[in-house]
Amino acid sequence: MKPTQEMNISLVWCLLVLSFAIKVLFSLTTHYFKVEDGGERSVCVTFGFFFFVKAMAVLIVTENYLEFGLETGFTNFSDSAMQFLEKQGLESQSPVSKLTFKFFLAIFCSFIGAFLTFPGLRLAQMHLDALNLATEKITQTLLHINFLAPLFMVLLWVKPITKDYIMNPPLGKESIPLMTEATFDTLRLWLIILLCALRLAMMRSHLQAYLNLAQKCVDQMKKEAGRISTVELQKMVARVFYYLCVIALQYVAPLVMLLHTTLLLKTLGNHSWGIYPESISTLPVDNSLLSNSVYSELPSAEGKMKHNARQGPAVPPGMQAYGAAPFEDLQLDFTEMPKCGDLIPRFGLPLRIGSDNGLAFVADLVQKTAKVIECGSRTGT
């Protein structure tokens, strides 16, 4: 089996962790349905329908506004399903329509939203209690950032914000690209990892804020009229401490789901952890050298023309090398071409340029320029 056809085992571990996290949230939600006196069951059902309607509304939005990649995902899913059906000798038709695919996706989102209802409400209450306990400005700022982190993550996938104000901010009448799409995708992954680390660091403050509920309950009971038995007081305090395990699970389970979903996105999306691609050269370039014409120092036919036909190409004959990233490996057969526009600002200078043995390509000036910018050149027939 070829290495490209082998399955990445990290996907299995990420899916297993996600399944266990969903199983934990499902087990916690079933306990709310067992309570008949309270209104927890109604709250879960109401929020489940709310997230179903919200998911259906989000799925209607086109890819021009939300960068979810559902169109590409559905196409890949249909192609893989059709190939599997063809191998099994069945009819090679699409297993589900796009509408059915989005409908089941909305149902799945509604269940996840119902499972995260009480963890979200509990986090909001602990956030308020932790703010009242925090005395330092830095701690309060970190608590606010931690609470608003989900909103920041969602905004990173809104194209009018990411494309117009982050990647290509308007400066005057022109938009200057600050980074490539690959760099921005990497920054998004790192930002999610950092926000997950921040939430994990704020876990102690939130759990301590929950434990202080016991003291608040005791102070409230002291203000009430009548006698309070010691047994009832002990049960009330013990109930808060026993429930701490459930609070910890509600705090950690969504964090684990988010972290492993990010790892799945990195693997399946072929993203990289490196912010700057290796194809971008950081060495200074002599502009005066590049501004001269390549025809000013053309070699003579007597002996200055270089010919490497005997050396052979860097790849086997008949094979064309391809770069690992866009604009990394170029093959040129002419010297006059339109302006590159934003190709070089977006993708950086090419690593290799292939050409024939024309005078314009083997000129001394061209070879010196390629050496300065660390761009390898190869020629062939």
Protein backbone atom coordinates (compact mmCIF):
# COMPACT_ATOMS: atom_id res chain seq x y z
CA MET A 1 0.00 0.00 0.00
CA LYS A 2 1.26 3.46 -0.87
CA PRO A 3 1.97 5.88 2.00
CA THR A 4 -0.64 8.28 0.63
CA GLN A 5 -3.31 5.57 0.90
CA GLU A 6 -2.56 4.69 4.51
CA MET A 7 -4.93 5.93 7.18
CA ASN A 8 -3.71 8.51 9.65
CA ILE A 9 -4.04 6.85 13.06
CA SER A 10 -4.33 10.24 14.78
CA LEU A 11 -7.79 10.62 13.25
CA VAL A 12 -8.93 7.49 15.08
CA TRP A 13 -7.71 8.78 18.44
CA CYS A 14 -9.33 12.19 17.90
CA LEU A 15 -12.64 10.57 16.95
CA LEU A 16 -12.47 8.29 19.99
CA VAL A 17 -11.88 11.25 22.31
CA LEU A 18 -14.76 13.15 20.71
CA SER A 19 -17.07 10.17 21.09
CA PHE A 20 -16.18 9.77 24.79
CA ALA A 21 -16.69 13.51 25.40
CA ILE A 22 -20.12 13.39 23.75
CA LYS A 23 -20.94 10.27 25.77
CA VAL A 24 -20.08 12.11 29.01
CA LEU A 25 -22.26 15.09 28.06
CA PHE A 26 -25.09 12.72 27.09
CA SER A 27 -24.88 10.95 30.45
CA LEU A 28 -25.01 14.27 32.30
CA THR A 29 -28.00 15.43 30.25
CA THR A 30 -29.96 12.23 30.94
CA HIS A 31 -29.82 13.01 34.67
CA TYR A 32 -31.71 16.26 34.04
CA PHE A 33 -34.46 14.30 32.25
CA LYS A 34 -34.86 12.00 35.26
CA VAL A 35 -35.84 14.93 37.49
CA GLU A 36 -39.63 15.36 37.34
CA ASP A 37 -40.08 18.29 39.71
CA GLY A 38 -37.68 20.79 38.12
CA GLY A 39 -37.79 22.35 34.70
CA GLU A 40 -34.42 21.07 33.48
CA ARG A 41 -36.07 18.76 30.96
CA SER A 42 -38.02 21.61 29.39
CA VAL A 43 -34.90 23.77 29.23
CA CYS A 44 -32.94 21.08 27.38
CA VAL A 45 -35.75 20.44 24.89
CA THR A 46 -36.28 24.15 24.29
CA PHE A 47 -32.61 24.83 23.65
CA GLY A 48 -32.40 21.74 21.44
CA PHE A 49 -35.11 23.10 19.13
CA PHE A 50 -33.52 26.55 19.29
CA PHE A 51 -30.16 25.24 18.11
CA PHE A 52 -31.89 23.19 15.38
CA VAL A 53 -33.52 26.33 13.94
CA LYS A 54 -30.27 28.24 14.33
CA ALA A 55 -28.29 25.52 12.54
CA MET A 56 -30.77 25.48 9.66
CA ALA A 57 -30.46 29.26 9.35
CA VAL A 58 -26.66 29.08 9.35
CA LEU A 59 -26.62 26.33 6.71
CA ILE A 60 -28.59 28.56 4.36
CA VAL A 61 -25.80 31.17 4.35
CA THR A 62 -23.51 30.81 1.34
CA GLU A 63 -19.77 30.18 1.43
CA ASN A 64 -19.19 33.82 0.53
CA TYR A 65 -19.96 34.82 4.10
CA LEU A 66 -19.20 31.77 6.26
CA GLU A 67 -16.08 29.74 5.62
CA PHE A 68 -17.41 26.38 6.76
CA GLY A 69 -16.41 24.36 3.70
CA LEU A 70 -19.67 22.43 3.60
CA GLU A 71 -19.83 22.42 -0.19
CA THR A 72 -16.36 20.90 -0.46
CA GLY A 73 -17.12 18.47 2.36
CA PHE A 74 -20.33 17.28 0.76
CA THR A 75 -18.58 16.84 -2.60
CA ASN A 76 -15.78 14.78 -1.04
CA PHE A 77 -18.31 12.72 0.92
CA SER A 78 -20.35 12.00 -2.22
CA ASP A 79 -17.29 11.05 -4.27
CA SER A 80 -15.99 8.72 -1.57
CA ALA A 81 -19.41 7.12 -1.13
CA MET A 82 -19.77 6.61 -4.88
CA GLN A 83 -16.34 4.97 -5.11
CA PHE A 84 -17.22 2.68 -2.21
CA LEU A 85 -20.53 1.69 -3.84
CA GLU A 86 -18.79 1.01 -7.15
CA LYS A 87 -16.30 -1.29 -5.45
CA GLN A 88 -19.19 -3.18 -3.83
CA GLY A 89 -20.89 -3.61 -7.21
CA LEU A 90 -23.81 -1.34 -6.37
CA GLU A 91 -25.26 1.57 -8.28
CA SER A 92 -22.87 4.51 -8.25
CA GLN A 93 -25.37 7.18 -7.30
CA SER A 94 -25.01 9.79 -4.61
CA PRO A 95 -26.18 8.24 -1.30
CA VAL A 96 -27.93 11.39 -0.03
CA SER A 97 -28.89 14.72 -1.46
CA LYS A 98 -27.41 17.99 -0.27
CA LEU A 99 -30.64 18.94 1.48
CA THR A 100 -30.72 15.66 3.39
CA PHE A 101 -27.07 16.07 4.30
CA LYS A 102 -27.71 19.54 5.76
CA PHE A 103 -30.85 18.32 7.55
CA PHE A 104 -29.03 15.56 9.40
CA LEU A 105 -26.18 17.95 10.15
CA ALA A 106 -28.66 20.38 11.71
CA ILE A 107 -30.13 17.58 13.83
CA PHE A 108 -26.65 16.63 15.03
CA CYS A 109 -25.96 20.28 15.92
CA SER A 110 -29.24 20.47 17.85
CA PHE A 111 -28.25 17.47 19.99
CA ILE A 112 -24.81 18.96 20.67
CA GLY A 113 -26.46 22.26 21.58
CA ALA A 114 -28.85 20.51 23.98
CA PHE A 115 -25.92 18.70 25.61
CA LEU A 116 -24.04 21.99 26.04
CA THR A 117 -27.00 23.95 27.44
CA PHE A 118 -26.38 23.45 31.14
CA PRO A 119 -22.56 23.53 30.83
CA GLY A 120 -22.97 26.94 29.17
CA LEU A 121 -25.37 28.23 31.81
CA ARG A 122 -23.12 26.93 34.56
CA LEU A 123 -20.08 28.60 32.98
CA ALA A 124 -21.92 31.94 32.82
CA GLN A 125 -22.82 31.72 36.51
CA MET A 126 -19.27 30.75 37.51
CA HIS A 127 -17.94 33.61 35.38
CA LEU A 128 -19.98 36.14 37.33
CA ASP A 129 -18.96 34.62 40.68
CA ALA A 130 -15.28 34.51 39.65
CA LEU A 131 -15.41 38.19 38.65
CA ASN A 132 -16.76 39.09 42.09
CA LEU A 133 -13.94 37.15 43.75
CA ALA A 134 -11.15 38.45 41.50
CA THR A 135 -9.34 41.50 42.84
CA GLU A 136 -6.60 41.98 40.23
CA LYS A 137 -7.28 43.67 36.91
CA ILE A 138 -5.26 41.09 34.99
CA THR A 139 -7.36 38.23 36.35
CA GLN A 140 -10.58 40.04 35.48
CA THR A 141 -9.32 40.73 31.96
CA LEU A 142 -8.40 37.08 31.45
CA LEU A 143 -11.82 36.02 32.72
CA HIS A 144 -13.53 38.32 30.22
CA ILE A 145 -11.36 37.03 27.35
CA ASN A 146 -12.08 33.45 28.42
CA PHE A 147 -15.83 34.11 28.46
CA LEU A 148 -15.80 35.81 25.02
CA ALA A 149 -13.46 33.23 23.45
CA PRO A 150 -16.25 31.31 21.62
CA LEU A 151 -17.38 34.53 19.94
CA PHE A 152 -13.82 35.29 18.81
CA MET A 153 -13.50 31.80 17.33
CA VAL A 154 -16.73 32.08 15.36
CA LEU A 155 -15.78 35.47 13.93
CA LEU A 156 -12.57 33.98 12.52
CA TRP A 157 -14.69 32.01 10.04
CA VAL A 158 -16.73 35.01 8.85
CA LYS A 159 -15.26 35.92 5.46
CA PRO A 160 -16.17 39.63 5.39
CA ILE A 161 -14.15 40.04 8.59
CA THR A 162 -11.24 37.73 7.89
CA LYS A 163 -10.73 38.59 4.21
CA ASP A 164 -11.43 42.33 4.30
CA TYR A 165 -10.09 43.44 7.67
CA ILE A 166 -7.50 40.87 8.77
CA MET A 167 -5.88 39.40 5.66
CA ASN A 168 -6.34 42.44 3.38
CA PRO A 169 -6.86 45.51 5.59
CA PRO A 170 -7.80 48.66 3.67
CA LEU A 171 -5.08 51.30 3.94
CA GLY A 172 -6.28 54.33 2.06
CA LYS A 173 -7.60 53.45 -1.36
CA GLU A 174 -5.75 50.14 -1.60
CA SER A 175 -5.82 46.88 0.32
CA ILE A 176 -2.43 45.53 1.37
CA PRO A 177 -2.26 41.76 1.95
CA LEU A 178 -0.71 41.07 5.35
CA MET A 179 -0.56 37.30 5.09
CA THR A 180 -1.40 34.37 2.88
CA GLU A 181 -4.42 32.14 3.38
CA ALA A 182 -2.19 29.31 4.60
CA THR A 183 -0.64 31.61 7.21
CA PHE A 184 -4.06 32.81 8.34
CA ASP A 185 -5.33 29.22 8.66
CA THR A 186 -2.33 28.41 10.84
CA LEU A 187 -2.91 31.49 12.99
CA ARG A 188 -6.53 30.46 13.49
CA LEU A 189 -5.46 27.04 14.73
CA TRP A 190 -2.91 28.53 17.11
CA LEU A 191 -5.44 31.04 18.42
CA ILE A 192 -7.88 28.25 19.25
CA ILE A 193 -5.11 26.31 21.01
CA LEU A 194 -4.17 29.39 23.05
CA LEU A 195 -7.80 30.06 24.02
CA CYS A 196 -8.16 26.43 25.10
CA ALA A 197 -5.04 26.80 27.23
CA LEU A 198 -6.48 30.00 28.73
CA ARG A 199 -9.73 28.27 29.65
CA LEU A 200 -7.79 25.44 31.25
CA ALA A 201 -5.73 27.98 33.22
CA MET A 202 -8.93 29.70 34.42
CA MET A 203 -10.43 26.41 35.58
CA ARG A 204 -9.21 26.87 39.16
CA SER A 205 -10.87 30.28 39.46
CA HIS A 206 -14.18 29.01 38.12
CA LEU A 207 -14.29 25.92 40.33
CA GLN A 208 -13.38 27.99 43.39
CA ALA A 209 -16.21 30.35 42.51
CA TYR A 210 -18.59 27.38 42.46
CA LEU A 211 -17.37 26.08 45.83
CA ASN A 212 -18.10 29.47 47.37
CA LEU A 213 -21.78 28.74 46.77
CA ALA A 214 -21.74 26.75 50.00
CA GLN A 215 -20.72 29.83 51.97
CA LYS A 216 -23.39 31.88 50.22
CA CYS A 217 -26.05 29.30 51.09
CA VAL A 218 -24.97 29.26 54.74
CA ASP A 219 -25.11 33.05 54.93
CA GLN A 220 -28.55 33.02 53.33
CA MET A 221 -29.86 30.43 55.81
CA LYS A 222 -28.59 32.50 58.73
CA LYS A 223 -30.78 35.39 57.61
CA GLU A 224 -33.92 33.24 57.59
CA ALA A 225 -36.15 33.05 60.61
CA GLY A 226 -36.49 29.85 62.61
CA ARG A 227 -34.15 27.14 63.75
CA ILE A 228 -31.80 25.35 61.36
CA SER A 229 -30.75 21.82 62.17
CA THR A 230 -27.08 20.90 61.91
CA VAL A 231 -27.89 17.88 59.75
CA GLU A 232 -29.65 19.99 57.12
CA LEU A 233 -26.77 22.42 57.12
CA GLN A 234 -24.24 19.62 56.59
CA LYS A 235 -26.30 18.09 53.78
CA MET A 236 -26.50 21.41 52.02
CA VAL A 237 -22.73 21.97 52.18
CA ALA A 238 -21.94 18.36 51.23
CA ARG A 239 -24.26 18.59 48.23
CA VAL A 240 -22.19 21.44 46.81
CA PHE A 241 -18.92 19.55 47.22
CA TYR A 242 -20.30 16.28 45.84
CA TYR A 243 -21.60 18.06 42.76
CA LEU A 244 -18.12 19.44 42.05
CA CYS A 245 -17.31 16.38 39.89
CA VAL A 246 -20.25 17.13 37.62
CA ILE A 247 -19.21 20.79 37.37
CA ALA A 248 -15.66 19.77 36.44
CA LEU A 249 -16.94 17.44 33.72
CA GLN A 250 -19.21 20.16 32.34
CA TYR A 251 -16.23 22.50 32.25
CA VAL A 252 -13.66 20.12 30.73
CA ALA A 253 -15.78 18.11 28.24
CA PRO A 254 -16.53 21.04 25.85
CA LEU A 255 -12.88 22.07 26.09
CA VAL A 256 -11.72 18.57 25.08
CA MET A 257 -14.21 18.51 22.21
CA LEU A 258 -12.99 21.85 20.89
CA LEU A 259 -9.32 20.91 21.16
CA HIS A 260 -9.65 17.60 19.30
CA THR A 261 -11.95 19.12 16.69
CA THR A 262 -9.16 21.63 16.01
CA LEU A 263 -6.68 18.78 15.64
CA LEU A 264 -9.05 17.08 13.18
CA LEU A 265 -9.31 20.32 11.20
CA LYS A 266 -5.53 20.61 11.07
CA THR A 267 -5.11 17.04 9.80
CA LEU A 268 -8.02 16.82 7.38
CA GLY A 269 -7.48 20.35 6.08
CA ASN A 270 -3.77 19.72 5.37
CA HIS A 271 -2.80 22.74 7.45
CA SER A 272 0.57 23.31 9.05
CA TRP A 273 1.67 24.43 12.51
CA GLY A 274 4.34 26.69 10.99
CA ILE A 275 3.19 30.28 10.60
CA TYR A 276 5.65 31.23 7.86
CA PRO A 277 6.09 28.80 4.95
CA GLU A 278 9.59 27.73 4.10
CA SER A 279 9.28 29.07 0.57
CA ILE A 280 9.45 32.68 1.72
CA SER A 281 12.97 34.02 1.63
CA THR A 282 14.02 36.38 4.40
CA LEU A 283 17.25 37.59 2.78
CA PRO A 284 17.44 41.18 1.47
CA VAL A 285 17.22 41.63 -2.26
CA ASP A 286 19.25 44.17 -4.20
CA ASN A 287 16.63 46.20 -6.05
CA SER A 288 19.22 47.80 -8.30
CA LEU A 289 20.23 44.37 -9.48
CA LEU A 290 16.65 43.38 -10.24
CA SER A 291 15.84 46.63 -12.03
CA ASN A 292 18.41 46.09 -14.78
CA SER A 293 17.37 44.42 -17.96
CA VAL A 294 18.26 40.79 -18.42
CA TYR A 295 19.42 41.60 -21.91
CA SER A 296 22.21 43.96 -20.75
CA GLU A 297 24.60 41.13 -19.97
CA LEU A 298 23.69 38.41 -22.42
CA PRO A 299 26.51 35.92 -22.85
CA SER A 300 28.22 35.58 -26.18
CA ALA A 301 27.89 32.54 -28.38
CA GLU A 302 31.66 31.79 -28.08
CA GLY A 303 31.68 30.43 -24.58
CA LYS A 304 29.56 32.30 -22.05
CA MET A 305 26.40 30.32 -22.70
CA LYS A 306 25.94 27.62 -20.12
CA HIS A 307 24.61 24.22 -21.07
CA ASN A 308 23.81 21.49 -18.59
CA ALA A 309 22.30 18.90 -20.87
CA ARG A 310 24.78 16.26 -19.66
CA GLN A 311 23.99 16.83 -16.00
CA GLY A 312 20.41 15.72 -16.42
CA PRO A 313 17.35 17.03 -14.61
CA ALA A 314 16.89 16.78 -10.84
CA VAL A 315 13.97 14.42 -11.32
CA PRO A 316 13.78 11.27 -13.50
CA PRO A 317 13.45 11.93 -17.23
CA GLY A 318 9.93 12.58 -18.33
CA MET A 319 8.85 13.66 -14.84
CA GLN A 320 7.83 17.22 -13.99
CA ALA A 321 8.59 18.42 -10.46
CA TYR A 322 5.76 19.97 -8.53
CA GLY A 323 6.12 22.26 -5.54
CA ALA A 324 4.60 21.47 -2.17
CA ALA A 325 2.94 24.91 -2.08
CA PRO A 326 1.56 27.33 -4.70
CA PHE A 327 4.16 29.40 -6.62
CA GLU A 328 6.99 27.24 -5.23
CA ASP A 329 8.19 25.47 -8.40
CA LEU A 330 7.80 27.33 -11.70
CA GLN A 331 8.42 26.25 -15.29
CA LEU A 332 9.06 29.15 -17.68
CA ASP A 333 9.43 29.20 -21.44
CA PHE A 334 9.33 32.95 -22.11
CA THR A 335 10.80 36.14 -20.68
CA GLU A 336 7.92 38.56 -21.15
CA MET A 337 4.90 37.96 -18.95
CA PRO A 338 2.21 40.14 -17.34
CA LYS A 339 2.74 41.51 -13.85
CA CYS A 340 2.38 38.96 -11.06
CA GLY A 341 0.01 41.20 -9.11
CA ASP A 342 -0.22 39.88 -5.58
CA LEU A 343 1.29 36.44 -6.24
CA ILE A 344 4.67 37.21 -4.70
CA PRO A 345 3.19 39.09 -1.66
CA ARG A 346 0.84 36.16 -1.09
CA PHE A 347 3.05 33.15 -1.81
CA GLY A 348 6.58 34.57 -1.57
CA LEU A 349 9.47 34.11 -3.97
CA PRO A 350 9.66 30.76 -5.79
CA LEU A 351 12.18 28.18 -4.62
CA ARG A 352 12.95 26.80 -8.08
CA ILE A 353 12.55 28.06 -11.64
CA GLY A 354 12.93 25.71 -14.59
CA SER A 355 13.53 26.87 -18.15
CA ASP A 356 15.22 25.94 -21.41
CA ASN A 357 18.72 26.96 -22.47
CA GLY A 358 17.67 30.30 -23.93
CA LEU A 359 20.09 33.21 -23.68
CA ALA A 360 17.75 35.15 -21.42
CA PHE A 361 17.64 32.33 -18.86
CA VAL A 362 21.34 31.45 -18.68
CA ALA A 363 22.53 35.06 -18.63
CA ASP A 364 25.07 36.02 -16.01
CA LEU A 365 22.75 38.63 -14.48
CA VAL A 366 19.89 36.18 -14.18
CA GLN A 367 22.08 33.61 -12.44
CA LYS A 368 23.38 36.24 -9.99
CA THR A 369 19.85 37.42 -9.25
CA ALA A 370 18.70 33.85 -8.59
CA LYS A 371 21.66 33.36 -6.25
CA VAL A 372 20.87 36.52 -4.29
CA ILE A 373 17.23 35.59 -3.68
CA GLU A 374 18.16 31.91 -3.10
CA CYS A 375 16.07 30.68 -5.99
CA GLY A 376 17.38 27.51 -7.59
CA SER A 377 17.39 27.42 -11.38
CA ARG A 378 17.50 24.44 -13.67
CA THR A 379 17.65 24.27 -17.42
CA GLY A 380 16.99 21.53 -19.91
CA THR A 381 16.25 20.91 -23.50
